[in-house]
C-alpha atoms as a PDB file:
ATOM      1  CA  MET A   1     -23.814  -0.773  17.776  1.00  0.00           C
ATOM      2  CA  MET A   2     -19.770   0.021  17.460  1.00  0.00           C
ATOM      3  CA  ARG A   3     -19.319   4.120  18.414  1.00  0.00           C
ATOM      4  CA  LEU A   4     -16.523   6.258  18.501  1.00  0.00           C
ATOM      5  CA  PRO A   5     -14.551   7.041  21.613  1.00  0.00           C
ATOM      6  CA  ALA A   6     -14.736  10.746  22.820  1.00  0.00           C
ATOM      7  CA  PHE A   7     -11.784  13.083  21.324  1.00  0.00           C
ATOM      8  CA  ASP A   8     -10.861  16.247  20.028  1.00  0.00           C
ATOM      9  CA  TYR A   9     -10.575  17.315  16.576  1.00  0.00           C
ATOM     10  CA  VAL A  10      -8.196  20.198  15.077  1.00  0.00           C
ATOM     11  CA  ALA A  11      -8.910  21.070  11.720  1.00  0.00           C
ATOM     12  CA  ALA A  12      -5.422  22.394  10.421  1.00  0.00           C
ATOM     13  CA  LYS A  13      -5.560  24.835   7.407  1.00  0.00           C
ATOM     14  CA  THR A  14      -1.721  24.477   7.100  1.00  0.00           C
ATOM     15  CA  VAL A  15       1.111  21.995   7.460  1.00  0.00           C
ATOM     16  CA  GLU A  16       2.641  24.134  10.003  1.00  0.00           C
ATOM     17  CA  GLU A  17      -0.669  24.221  11.881  1.00  0.00           C
ATOM     18  CA  ALA A  18      -0.919  20.557  11.637  1.00  0.00           C
ATOM     19  CA  LEU A  19       2.850  19.869  13.059  1.00  0.00           C
ATOM     20  CA  ARG A  20       2.109  22.455  16.111  1.00  0.00           C
ATOM     21  CA  ALA A  21      -1.125  20.439  17.019  1.00  0.00           C
ATOM     22  CA  LEU A  22       0.514  17.075  16.735  1.00  0.00           C
ATOM     23  CA  ALA A  23       3.228  18.315  18.683  1.00  0.00           C
ATOM     24  CA  ASP A  24       1.075  19.751  21.373  1.00  0.00           C
ATOM     25  CA  ALA A  25      -1.065  16.302  21.561  1.00  0.00           C
ATOM     26  CA  GLY A  26       2.337  14.613  22.111  1.00  0.00           C
ATOM     27  CA  PRO A  27       1.429  10.379  22.182  1.00  0.00           C
ATOM     28  CA  ASP A  28      -2.071  10.975  22.210  1.00  0.00           C
ATOM     29  CA  GLY A  29      -2.424  12.533  18.977  1.00  0.00           C
ATOM     30  CA  MET A  30      -3.147  10.928  15.676  1.00  0.00           C
ATOM     31  CA  LEU A  31      -3.236  12.587  12.017  1.00  0.00           C
ATOM     32  CA  VAL A  32      -6.349  11.953   9.835  1.00  0.00           C
ATOM     33  CA  ALA A  33      -6.798  12.342   6.367  1.00  0.00           C
ATOM     34  CA  GLY A  34     -10.012  10.682   4.908  1.00  0.00           C
ATOM     35  CA  GLY A  35     -10.592   8.534   8.057  1.00  0.00           C
ATOM     36  CA  THR A  36     -11.747   5.302   6.084  1.00  0.00           C
ATOM     37  CA  ASP A  37      -9.378   2.789   7.864  1.00  0.00           C
ATOM     38  CA  LEU A  38      -8.526   5.162  11.071  1.00  0.00           C
ATOM     39  CA  TYR A  39     -12.514   5.751  12.209  1.00  0.00           C
ATOM     40  CA  PRO A  40     -13.733   2.017  11.970  1.00  0.00           C
ATOM     41  CA  ASN A  41     -10.133   0.877  13.969  1.00  0.00           C
ATOM     42  CA  MET A  42     -11.117   3.546  17.025  1.00  0.00           C
ATOM     43  CA  LYS A  43     -14.612   1.728  16.862  1.00  0.00           C
ATOM     44  CA  ARG A  44     -12.953  -1.372  17.608  1.00  0.00           C
ATOM     45  CA  ARG A  45     -10.617   0.390  19.909  1.00  0.00           C
ATOM     46  CA  GLN A  46      -7.434  -0.528  18.122  1.00  0.00           C
ATOM     47  CA  PHE A  47      -6.612   3.043  18.073  1.00  0.00           C
ATOM     48  CA  GLU A  48      -7.511   5.604  21.228  1.00  0.00           C
ATOM     49  CA  PRO A  49      -6.004   8.898  20.135  1.00  0.00           C
ATOM     50  CA  LYS A  50      -7.409  11.544  22.496  1.00  0.00           C
ATOM     51  CA  THR A  51      -6.615  14.348  19.736  1.00  0.00           C
ATOM     52  CA  LEU A  52      -6.922  13.866  15.885  1.00  0.00           C
ATOM     53  CA  VAL A  53      -5.489  16.287  14.044  1.00  0.00           C
ATOM     54  CA  GLY A  54      -7.403  16.936  10.545  1.00  0.00           C
ATOM     55  CA  LEU A  55      -5.511  17.291   7.092  1.00  0.00           C
ATOM     56  CA  ARG A  56      -8.559  17.760   4.815  1.00  0.00           C
ATOM     57  CA  ALA A  57      -8.626  21.679   5.226  1.00  0.00           C
ATOM     58  CA  ILE A  58      -4.887  21.790   4.096  1.00  0.00           C
ATOM     59  CA  LYS A  59      -5.221  23.005   0.271  1.00  0.00           C
ATOM     60  CA  GLU A  60      -1.914  22.397  -0.872  1.00  0.00           C
ATOM     61  CA  LEU A  61      -2.100  18.547   0.126  1.00  0.00           C
ATOM     62  CA  ARG A  62      -4.539  18.271  -2.567  1.00  0.00           C
ATOM     63  CA  GLY A  63      -3.923  17.756  -6.462  1.00  0.00           C
ATOM     64  CA  VAL A  64      -1.821  16.496  -9.258  1.00  0.00           C
ATOM     65  CA  SER A  65       0.950  18.603 -11.063  1.00  0.00           C
ATOM     66  CA  GLY A  66       3.271  17.855 -13.488  1.00  0.00           C
ATOM     67  CA  SER A  67       3.868  15.775 -16.602  1.00  0.00           C
ATOM     68  CA  ALA A  68       5.097  12.392 -17.840  1.00  0.00           C
ATOM     69  CA  ARG A  69       8.125  14.287 -18.962  1.00  0.00           C
ATOM     70  CA  GLU A  70       9.252  15.934 -15.940  1.00  0.00           C
ATOM     71  CA  GLY A  71       7.523  13.753 -13.538  1.00  0.00           C
ATOM     72  CA  VAL A  72       4.226  14.007 -11.563  1.00  0.00           C
ATOM     73  CA  THR A  73       3.381  15.209  -8.040  1.00  0.00           C
ATOM     74  CA  ILE A  74       0.405  14.393  -6.199  1.00  0.00           C
ATOM     75  CA  GLY A  75      -0.518  15.593  -2.966  1.00  0.00           C
ATOM     76  CA  ALA A  76      -1.291  13.125   0.016  1.00  0.00           C
ATOM     77  CA  CYS A  77      -4.802  14.213   0.719  1.00  0.00           C
ATOM     78  CA  THR A  78      -5.872  13.844  -2.916  1.00  0.00           C
ATOM     79  CA  THR A  79      -8.562  11.198  -2.697  1.00  0.00           C
ATOM     80  CA  LEU A  80      -8.262   7.819  -4.349  1.00  0.00           C
ATOM     81  CA  THR A  81     -10.978   8.587  -6.865  1.00  0.00           C
ATOM     82  CA  ALA A  82      -9.385  12.087  -8.097  1.00  0.00           C
ATOM     83  CA  VAL A  83      -5.990   9.844  -8.638  1.00  0.00           C
ATOM     84  CA  ALA A  84      -7.678   6.930 -10.128  1.00  0.00           C
ATOM     85  CA  SER A  85      -9.607   9.238 -12.775  1.00  0.00           C
ATOM     86  CA  HIS A  86      -6.951  11.772 -13.448  1.00  0.00           C
ATOM     87  CA  PRO A  87      -6.206  11.334 -17.139  1.00  0.00           C
ATOM     88  CA  GLY A  88      -2.349  11.947 -17.221  1.00  0.00           C
ATOM     89  CA  VAL A  89      -2.389   9.467 -14.421  1.00  0.00           C
ATOM     90  CA  ALA A  90      -4.648   6.831 -16.026  1.00  0.00           C
ATOM     91  CA  ARG A  91      -2.199   7.263 -19.476  1.00  0.00           C
ATOM     92  CA  ASP A  92       1.305   7.768 -17.953  1.00  0.00           C
ATOM     93  CA  TYR A  93       1.347   5.516 -14.837  1.00  0.00           C
ATOM     94  CA  PRO A  94      -1.625   3.347 -15.513  1.00  0.00           C
ATOM     95  CA  ALA A  95      -0.834   0.743 -12.453  1.00  0.00           C
ATOM     96  CA  LEU A  96      -1.143   3.505  -9.908  1.00  0.00           C
ATOM     97  CA  ALA A  97      -4.736   4.407 -11.579  1.00  0.00           C
ATOM     98  CA  THR A  98      -5.885   0.881 -11.109  1.00  0.00           C
ATOM     99  CA  ALA A  99      -4.418   0.393  -7.732  1.00  0.00           C
ATOM    100  CA  ALA A 100      -6.379   3.561  -6.368  1.00  0.00           C
ATOM    101  CA  GLY A 101      -9.159   2.449  -8.048  1.00  0.00           C
ATOM    102  CA  VAL A 102      -9.758  -0.991  -6.672  1.00  0.00           C
ATOM    103  CA  VAL A 103      -9.475   0.333  -3.084  1.00  0.00           C
ATOM    104  CA  SER A 104     -12.409  -0.360  -1.100  1.00  0.00           C
ATOM    105  CA  SER A 105     -15.635   0.907  -2.684  1.00  0.00           C
ATOM    106  CA  PRO A 106     -16.718   3.964  -4.694  1.00  0.00           C
ATOM    107  CA  GLN A 107     -18.124   5.590  -1.481  1.00  0.00           C
ATOM    108  CA  LEU A 108     -14.981   5.250   0.418  1.00  0.00           C
ATOM    109  CA  ARG A 109     -12.430   6.104  -2.173  1.00  0.00           C
ATOM    110  CA  ASN A 110     -14.483   9.309  -2.687  1.00  0.00           C
ATOM    111  CA  MET A 111     -13.022  10.067   1.239  1.00  0.00           C
ATOM    112  CA  GLY A 112      -9.835   8.085   1.276  1.00  0.00           C
ATOM    113  CA  THR A 113      -6.890   9.671   0.146  1.00  0.00           C
ATOM    114  CA  LEU A 114      -3.518   8.429  -1.377  1.00  0.00           C
ATOM    115  CA  GLY A 115      -1.219   9.347   1.315  1.00  0.00           C
ATOM    116  CA  GLY A 116      -3.671   7.568   3.690  1.00  0.00           C
ATOM    117  CA  ASN A 117      -3.499   4.334   1.610  1.00  0.00           C
ATOM    118  CA  VAL A 118       0.082   4.428   1.596  1.00  0.00           C
ATOM    119  CA  CYS A 119       0.347   4.247   5.162  1.00  0.00           C
ATOM    120  CA  VAL A 120      -2.670   2.286   5.697  1.00  0.00           C
ATOM    121  CA  ASP A 121      -2.563  -0.092   9.237  1.00  0.00           C
ATOM    122  CA  THR A 122      -1.461  -3.552   8.598  1.00  0.00           C
ATOM    123  CA  ARG A 123      -4.205  -6.538   9.099  1.00  0.00           C
ATOM    124  CA  CYS A 124      -4.740  -9.699  10.456  1.00  0.00           C
ATOM    125  CA  ASN A 125      -7.815 -12.081  11.271  1.00  0.00           C
ATOM    126  CA  TYR A 126      -6.924 -11.858  15.069  1.00  0.00           C
ATOM    127  CA  TYR A 127      -6.564  -8.163  14.838  1.00  0.00           C
ATOM    128  CA  ASN A 128      -9.138  -6.764  12.688  1.00  0.00           C
ATOM    129  CA  GLN A 129     -12.066  -7.787  14.659  1.00  0.00           C
ATOM    130  CA  THR A 130     -14.204  -6.212  17.645  1.00  0.00           C
ATOM    131  CA  TYR A 131     -13.017  -5.440  20.998  1.00  0.00           C
ATOM    132  CA  GLU A 132     -15.132  -8.058  22.606  1.00  0.00           C
ATOM    133  CA  TRP A 133     -13.927 -10.793  20.009  1.00  0.00           C
ATOM    134  CA  ARG A 134     -10.566  -9.534  20.500  1.00  0.00           C
ATOM    135  CA  LYS A 135     -10.737  -9.889  24.583  1.00  0.00           C
ATOM    136  CA  ALA A 136     -12.627 -13.261  24.146  1.00  0.00           C
ATOM    137  CA  ILE A 137      -9.235 -14.573  22.825  1.00  0.00           C
ATOM    138  CA  GLY A 138      -7.103 -12.761  25.260  1.00  0.00           C
ATOM    139  CA  PHE A 139      -5.863 -10.054  22.526  1.00  0.00           C
ATOM    140  CA  CYS A 140      -2.979 -10.412  20.377  1.00  0.00           C
ATOM    141  CA  MET A 141       0.862  -8.799  20.226  1.00  0.00           C
ATOM    142  CA  LYS A 142      -0.556  -5.784  17.999  1.00  0.00           C
ATOM    143  CA  LYS A 143      -2.744  -4.648  20.414  1.00  0.00           C
ATOM    144  CA  ASP A 144      -3.490  -4.930  24.314  1.00  0.00           C
ATOM    145  CA  GLY A 145      -1.793  -8.461  24.247  1.00  0.00           C
ATOM    146  CA  ASP A 146       1.499 -10.549  24.455  1.00  0.00           C
ATOM    147  CA  ILE A 147       1.694 -13.012  21.629  1.00  0.00           C
ATOM    148  CA  CYS A 148       1.201 -13.138  17.973  1.00  0.00           C
ATOM    149  CA  LEU A 149      -1.831 -15.595  17.505  1.00  0.00           C
ATOM    150  CA  VAL A 150      -0.554 -16.287  13.864  1.00  0.00           C
ATOM    151  CA  ALA A 151       2.844 -17.751  15.157  1.00  0.00           C
ATOM    152  CA  PRO A 152       2.867 -17.740  19.144  1.00  0.00           C
ATOM    153  CA  GLY A 153       6.338 -18.502  19.119  1.00  0.00           C
ATOM    154  CA  SER A 154       7.810 -15.606  17.267  1.00  0.00           C
ATOM    155  CA  ASP A 155       8.980 -12.071  19.261  1.00  0.00           C
ATOM    156  CA  ARG A 156       7.017 -10.248  16.423  1.00  0.00           C
ATOM    157  CA  CYS A 157       3.777  -9.363  14.756  1.00  0.00           C
ATOM    158  CA  TRP A 158       2.978 -10.640  11.153  1.00  0.00           C
ATOM    159  CA  ALA A 159       0.140  -8.714  10.356  1.00  0.00           C
ATOM    160  CA  VAL A 160       0.218  -7.892   6.526  1.00  0.00           C
ATOM    161  CA  SER A 161       0.818  -4.714   4.443  1.00  0.00           C
ATOM    162  CA  SER A 162      -2.866  -4.074   3.306  1.00  0.00           C
ATOM    163  CA  SER A 163      -2.407  -1.196   0.855  1.00  0.00           C
ATOM    164  CA  ASP A 164      -2.992  -1.603  -2.576  1.00  0.00           C
ATOM    165  CA  THR A 165      -1.054   1.595  -3.907  1.00  0.00           C
ATOM    166  CA  ALA A 166       2.109   1.001  -1.904  1.00  0.00           C
ATOM    167  CA  PRO A 167       3.345  -1.572  -3.929  1.00  0.00           C
ATOM    168  CA  VAL A 168       2.727   0.195  -7.097  1.00  0.00           C
ATOM    169  CA  LEU A 169       4.466   3.147  -6.066  1.00  0.00           C
ATOM    170  CA  TRP A 170       7.563   1.250  -5.091  1.00  0.00           C
ATOM    171  CA  SER A 171       7.628  -0.516  -8.214  1.00  0.00           C
ATOM    172  CA  LEU A 172       7.428   3.048  -9.797  1.00  0.00           C
ATOM    173  CA  GLY A 173      10.466   4.161  -8.429  1.00  0.00           C
ATOM    174  CA  ALA A 174       8.177   6.993  -6.550  1.00  0.00           C
ATOM    175  CA  ARG A 175       9.244   8.791  -3.491  1.00  0.00           C
ATOM    176  CA  LEU A 176       7.904  10.838  -0.558  1.00  0.00           C
ATOM    177  CA  ARG A 177       7.950  13.982   0.732  1.00  0.00           C
ATOM    178  CA  LEU A 178       7.390  14.519   4.416  1.00  0.00           C
ATOM    179  CA  HIS A 179       7.491  17.578   6.856  1.00  0.00           C
ATOM    180  CA  GLY A 180       8.351  17.345  10.191  1.00  0.00           C
ATOM    181  CA  PRO A 181       9.633  19.798  13.225  1.00  0.00           C
ATOM    182  CA  GLY A 182      13.165  19.673  11.863  1.00  0.00           C
ATOM    183  CA  GLY A 183      12.099  20.419   8.473  1.00  0.00           C
ATOM    184  CA  GLU A 184      11.528  18.363   5.212  1.00  0.00           C
ATOM    185  CA  ARG A 185      12.467  15.345   3.740  1.00  0.00           C
ATOM    186  CA  THR A 186      12.387  13.205   0.773  1.00  0.00           C
ATOM    187  CA  ILE A 187      12.893   9.280   0.814  1.00  0.00           C
ATOM    188  CA  PRO A 188      12.030   6.537  -1.728  1.00  0.00           C
ATOM    189  CA  VAL A 189       8.712   4.795  -1.192  1.00  0.00           C
ATOM    190  CA  ALA A 190      10.882   1.631  -0.269  1.00  0.00           C
ATOM    191  CA  ALA A 191      12.306   3.315   2.694  1.00  0.00           C
ATOM    192  CA  LEU A 192       9.083   3.977   4.363  1.00  0.00           C
ATOM    193  CA  PHE A 193       8.089   0.708   5.640  1.00  0.00           C
ATOM    194  CA  HIS A 194       9.606  -1.685   8.351  1.00  0.00           C
ATOM    195  CA  ASP A 195       9.016  -5.511   7.933  1.00  0.00           C
ATOM    196  CA  ASP A 196       7.162  -5.536  11.436  1.00  0.00           C
ATOM    197  CA  GLY A 197       3.219  -5.755  11.506  1.00  0.00           C
ATOM    198  CA  ILE A 198       2.823  -3.106  14.725  1.00  0.00           C
ATOM    199  CA  ALA A 199       6.024  -0.619  13.846  1.00  0.00           C
ATOM    200  CA  TYR A 200       5.622  -1.312   9.995  1.00  0.00           C
ATOM    201  CA  LEU A 201       6.169   2.604   9.216  1.00  0.00           C
ATOM    202  CA  ALA A 202       9.887   3.856   9.134  1.00  0.00           C
ATOM    203  CA  LYS A 203       8.210   7.592   9.305  1.00  0.00           C
ATOM    204  CA  ARG A 204       8.825   9.291  12.500  1.00  0.00           C
ATOM    205  CA  PRO A 205       5.576   9.975  14.334  1.00  0.00           C
ATOM    206  CA  ASP A 206       5.681  13.552  14.251  1.00  0.00           C
ATOM    207  CA  GLU A 207       6.106  13.741  10.457  1.00  0.00           C
ATOM    208  CA  ILE A 208       3.313  14.210   8.040  1.00  0.00           C
ATOM    209  CA  VAL A 209       3.729  12.708   4.363  1.00  0.00           C
ATOM    210  CA  THR A 210       2.751  15.606   2.209  1.00  0.00           C
ATOM    211  CA  GLU A 211       3.493  14.752  -1.410  1.00  0.00           C
ATOM    212  CA  ILE A 212       4.008  11.468  -3.738  1.00  0.00           C
ATOM    213  CA  LEU A 213       6.607  12.221  -6.318  1.00  0.00           C
ATOM    214  CA  LEU A 214       6.505   9.926  -9.404  1.00  0.00           C
ATOM    215  CA  PRO A 215       9.484  10.061 -11.704  1.00  0.00           C
ATOM    216  CA  PRO A 216       9.448  10.846 -15.233  1.00  0.00           C
ATOM    217  CA  ALA A 217       7.392   8.022 -17.225  1.00  0.00           C
ATOM    218  CA  ASP A 218      10.279   7.614 -19.657  1.00  0.00           C
ATOM    219  CA  GLY A 219       9.319   4.617 -21.384  1.00  0.00           C
ATOM    220  CA  TRP A 220       8.272   2.481 -18.451  1.00  0.00           C
ATOM    221  CA  ARG A 221       4.925   0.373 -18.442  1.00  0.00           C
ATOM    222  CA  SER A 222       3.245  -0.916 -15.292  1.00  0.00           C
ATOM    223  CA  VAL A 223       0.127  -2.893 -14.230  1.00  0.00           C
ATOM    224  CA  TYR A 224      -1.313  -4.049 -11.071  1.00  0.00           C
ATOM    225  CA  LEU A 225      -3.492  -6.990 -10.238  1.00  0.00           C
ATOM    226  CA  LYS A 226      -5.372  -7.612  -6.792  1.00  0.00           C
ATOM    227  CA  LEU A 227      -6.682 -10.740  -5.362  1.00  0.00           C
ATOM    228  CA  ARG A 228      -9.649 -10.604  -3.173  1.00  0.00           C
ATOM    229  CA  ARG A 229     -12.491 -12.396  -2.250  1.00  0.00           C
ATOM    230  CA  ARG A 230     -15.262 -10.090  -3.622  1.00  0.00           C
ATOM    231  CA  GLY A 231     -15.020  -7.728  -6.613  1.00  0.00           C
ATOM    232  CA  SER A 232     -15.137  -4.558  -4.293  1.00  0.00           C
ATOM    233  CA  PHE A 233     -14.652  -3.330  -0.712  1.00  0.00           C
ATOM    234  CA  ASP A 234     -12.167  -6.108   0.287  1.00  0.00           C
ATOM    235  CA  PHE A 235      -8.724  -5.547   1.183  1.00  0.00           C
ATOM    236  CA  PRO A 236      -5.716  -7.431  -1.088  1.00  0.00           C
ATOM    237  CA  ILE A 237      -5.070 -10.929  -0.279  1.00  0.00           C
ATOM    238  CA  LEU A 238      -2.437 -10.580  -3.271  1.00  0.00           C
ATOM    239  CA  GLY A 239      -1.480  -7.464  -4.921  1.00  0.00           C
ATOM    240  CA  VAL A 240       1.144  -7.664  -7.929  1.00  0.00           C
ATOM    241  CA  ALA A 241       2.812  -4.742  -9.007  1.00  0.00           C
ATOM    242  CA  VAL A 242       5.232  -4.820 -12.127  1.00  0.00           C
ATOM    243  CA  ALA A 243       6.695  -1.938 -13.791  1.00  0.00           C
ATOM    244  CA  LEU A 244       8.885  -2.299 -16.892  1.00  0.00           C
ATOM    245  CA  ARG A 245      11.094  -0.340 -19.166  1.00  0.00           C
ATOM    246  CA  LEU A 246      11.373  -1.457 -22.707  1.00  0.00           C
ATOM    247  CA  GLU A 247      13.665  -0.576 -25.615  1.00  0.00           C
ATOM    248  CA  GLY A 248      11.784  -1.830 -28.649  1.00  0.00           C
ATOM    249  CA  ASP A 249      10.793  -5.338 -27.164  1.00  0.00           C
ATOM    250  CA  VAL A 250      13.568  -5.994 -25.067  1.00  0.00           C
ATOM    251  CA  VAL A 251      13.222  -5.324 -20.973  1.00  0.00           C
ATOM    252  CA  ARG A 252      15.941  -3.031 -19.918  1.00  0.00           C
ATOM    253  CA  GLU A 253      14.607  -2.469 -16.444  1.00  0.00           C
ATOM    254  CA  ALA A 254      12.174  -3.877 -14.291  1.00  0.00           C
ATOM    255  CA  ARG A 255      10.471  -4.093 -10.813  1.00  0.00           C
ATOM    256  CA  VAL A 256       8.006  -6.666  -9.452  1.00  0.00           C
ATOM    257  CA  VAL A 257       6.810  -5.625  -5.901  1.00  0.00           C
ATOM    258  CA  LEU A 258       4.130  -7.935  -4.157  1.00  0.00           C
ATOM    259  CA  GLY A 259       1.519  -7.015  -1.804  1.00  0.00           C
ATOM    260  CA  ALA A 260      -0.283  -8.684   1.276  1.00  0.00           C
ATOM    261  CA  VAL A 261       2.186 -11.337   1.720  1.00  0.00           C
ATOM    262  CA  ALA A 262       4.340  -9.906   4.403  1.00  0.00           C
ATOM    263  CA  SER A 263       4.354  -7.025   6.808  1.00  0.00           C
ATOM    264  CA  VAL A 264       6.104  -5.133   4.111  1.00  0.00           C
ATOM    265  CA  PRO A 265       5.783  -4.714   0.226  1.00  0.00           C
ATOM    266  CA  ARG A 266       7.729  -7.333  -0.921  1.00  0.00           C
ATOM    267  CA  GLU A 267      10.343  -6.584  -3.782  1.00  0.00           C
ATOM    268  CA  ALA A 268      10.787  -9.717  -5.917  1.00  0.00           C
ATOM    269  CA  PRO A 269      14.637  -8.925  -7.451  1.00  0.00           C
ATOM    270  CA  LYS A 270      15.154 -12.299  -8.660  1.00  0.00           C
ATOM    271  CA  ALA A 271      12.090 -12.018 -11.069  1.00  0.00           C
ATOM    272  CA  ALA A 272      13.374  -8.404 -12.296  1.00  0.00           C
ATOM    273  CA  GLU A 273      16.676 -10.111 -12.736  1.00  0.00           C
ATOM    274  CA  ALA A 274      14.856 -12.696 -15.241  1.00  0.00           C
ATOM    275  CA  LEU A 275      13.391 -10.052 -17.215  1.00  0.00           C
ATOM    276  CA  VAL A 276      16.376  -7.840 -17.987  1.00  0.00           C
ATOM    277  CA  GLY A 277      17.960  -7.917 -21.298  1.00  0.00           C
ATOM    278  CA  ARG A 278      15.304 -10.551 -22.518  1.00  0.00           C
ATOM    279  CA  ARG A 279      12.048 -10.307 -24.606  1.00  0.00           C
ATOM    280  CA  LEU A 280       8.835 -10.959 -22.868  1.00  0.00           C
ATOM    281  CA  THR A 281       8.266 -14.394 -24.371  1.00  0.00           C
ATOM    282  CA  THR A 282       6.580 -16.953 -22.553  1.00  0.00           C
ATOM    283  CA  GLU A 283       9.504 -18.494 -21.737  1.00  0.00           C
ATOM    284  CA  THR A 284      10.834 -15.531 -20.026  1.00  0.00           C
ATOM    285  CA  ILE A 285       7.572 -14.731 -18.128  1.00  0.00           C
ATOM    286  CA  GLU A 286       7.281 -18.233 -16.813  1.00  0.00           C
ATOM    287  CA  ALA A 287      10.751 -17.872 -15.265  1.00  0.00           C
ATOM    288  CA  ALA A 288      10.284 -14.419 -13.825  1.00  0.00           C
ATOM    289  CA  ALA A 289       6.722 -15.536 -12.413  1.00  0.00           C
ATOM    290  CA  GLU A 290       8.613 -18.408 -10.637  1.00  0.00           C
ATOM    291  CA  ALA A 291      11.188 -16.397  -9.181  1.00  0.00           C
ATOM    292  CA  ALA A 292       8.609 -13.891  -8.104  1.00  0.00           C
ATOM    293  CA  ALA A 293       6.920 -16.754  -5.865  1.00  0.00           C
ATOM    294  CA  GLY A 294       9.941 -16.713  -3.846  1.00  0.00           C
ATOM    295  CA  PRO A 295       9.594 -13.902  -1.794  1.00  0.00           C
ATOM    296  CA  ALA A 296       5.905 -14.564  -1.111  1.00  0.00           C
ATOM    297  CA  ARG A 297       5.931 -16.082   2.369  1.00  0.00           C
ATOM    298  CA  PRO A 298       2.251 -15.551   3.368  1.00  0.00           C
ATOM    299  CA  LEU A 299       0.960 -16.883   7.056  1.00  0.00           C
ATOM    300  CA  ASP A 300      -2.232 -17.855   8.052  1.00  0.00           C
ATOM    301  CA  ASN A 301      -3.538 -14.355   8.822  1.00  0.00           C
ATOM    302  CA  THR A 302      -5.740 -13.252   6.087  1.00  0.00           C
ATOM    303  CA  ASP A 303      -8.543 -14.758   3.956  1.00  0.00           C
ATOM    304  CA  LEU A 304      -8.030 -17.964   1.944  1.00  0.00           C
ATOM    305  CA  THR A 305      -5.380 -20.465   2.758  1.00  0.00           C
ATOM    306  CA  HIS A 306      -1.656 -19.538   2.808  1.00  0.00           C
ATOM    307  CA  PRO A 307      -0.600 -22.330   0.434  1.00  0.00           C
ATOM    308  CA  TYR A 308      -2.950 -21.153  -2.177  1.00  0.00           C
ATOM    309  CA  ARG A 309      -1.828 -17.476  -1.514  1.00  0.00           C
ATOM    310  CA  LYS A 310       1.516 -18.706  -2.132  1.00  0.00           C
ATOM    311  CA  LYS A 311       0.630 -20.565  -5.623  1.00  0.00           C
ATOM    312  CA  VAL A 312      -1.309 -17.740  -6.786  1.00  0.00           C
ATOM    313  CA  ALA A 313       1.479 -15.200  -6.672  1.00  0.00           C
ATOM    314  CA  ARG A 314       2.969 -17.059  -9.529  1.00  0.00           C
ATOM    315  CA  VAL A 315       0.148 -17.195 -11.336  1.00  0.00           C
ATOM    316  CA  PHE A 316      -0.775 -13.581 -10.977  1.00  0.00           C
ATOM    317  CA  VAL A 317       2.965 -12.234 -11.958  1.00  0.00           C
ATOM    318  CA  ALA A 318       2.537 -14.524 -15.356  1.00  0.00           C
ATOM    319  CA  ARG A 319      -0.552 -12.708 -15.532  1.00  0.00           C
ATOM    320  CA  ALA A 320       0.886  -9.043 -15.031  1.00  0.00           C
ATOM    321  CA  LEU A 321       3.592  -9.782 -17.619  1.00  0.00           C
ATOM    322  CA  ALA A 322       1.748 -11.255 -20.029  1.00  0.00           C
ATOM    323  CA  ARG A 323      -0.655  -8.248 -19.988  1.00  0.00           C
ATOM    324  CA  LEU A 324       2.433  -5.832 -20.443  1.00  0.00           C
ATOM    325  CA  ALA A 325       3.863  -8.459 -23.193  1.00  0.00           C
ATOM    326  CA  GLY A 326       0.181  -7.868 -25.103  1.00  0.00           C
ATOM    327  CA  LEU A 327      -0.391 -11.777 -25.036  1.00  0.00           C
ATOM    328  CA  ASP A 328      -3.581 -12.802 -24.582  1.00  0.00           C
ATOM    329  CA  HIS A 329      -2.919 -16.115 -22.815  1.00  0.00           C
ATOM    330  CA  GLY A 330       0.336 -16.318 -20.659  1.00  0.00           C
ATOM    331  CA  PRO A 331       1.844 -19.063 -19.339  1.00  0.00           C
ATOM    332  CA  SER A 332       0.900 -21.246 -16.061  1.00  0.00           C
ATOM    333  CA  MET A 333      -1.955 -18.856 -16.096  1.00  0.00           C
ATOM    334  CA  GLU A 334      -3.678 -21.197 -13.825  1.00  0.00           C
ATOM    335  CA  VAL A 335      -3.351 -22.425 -10.124  1.00  0.00           C
ATOM    336  CA  ALA A 336      -1.880 -26.076  -9.867  1.00  0.00           C
END
């Protein structure tokens, strides 16, 4: 049986109290909200904090407010279940409701938070194993080792982004509010991530994500599709988030963001360019899906083969666009 190591727990009641506790703990401190990813990683000795600063008791970090006209604010400690079931989110930002609703399993969504999923650790076949398994192979660069076992000649870690909600928030143009010792700042979701499996967050260690800010819906439509081996529990092997703003049947703005194909959610700007100014015909969808496959460069570091995951990126983008277009059958919907 895997057991948690000993640690001190601080149940902060305000953001300021949490910041003080985090500063007092220094490099041995970590934040915890739902803990659905952190605690299993601690059992596997992938994280070894001496102090955990709990955020669940901070009331102002929970809840959904605002409207589609003005924009919506979601507290970072709002559970994934609450996000998925919120009628306003489901109506005006459907891709986010879908993404929150397909994370893991119902029990874990009741505990897991939106902020936690946005910041969730990157994953790899060689990293997400027990301590004994990792020790037997000499560990990997991400924890306790010196070599990336996916790409031994590389000087960086290639663990993949494993968040369902981050690609969606990126595609929607969402922003994050962070609080730190120097005050608060607001950044685009796209600015939160570094393309590195270890140092994957641009957020400073002494900062707390407090709110997710969604822009006005303003004619945007969105969809999220997830590939995984099982229908529940599994992390994404591929996530496809597509957001479009249409005037009539013409696409005026578009964002396509892929998840689980790199250490960072990967935007596909050429796919968006193939859509803007055009109607969502089968030909347009085919061109955009082909362009979206370019930024997808999966390696052999997660489930299923990486050539398959490369091919299916095109298929899933086509399916997502066909759904937004109201087409029952889109072009090239099967993997060749």
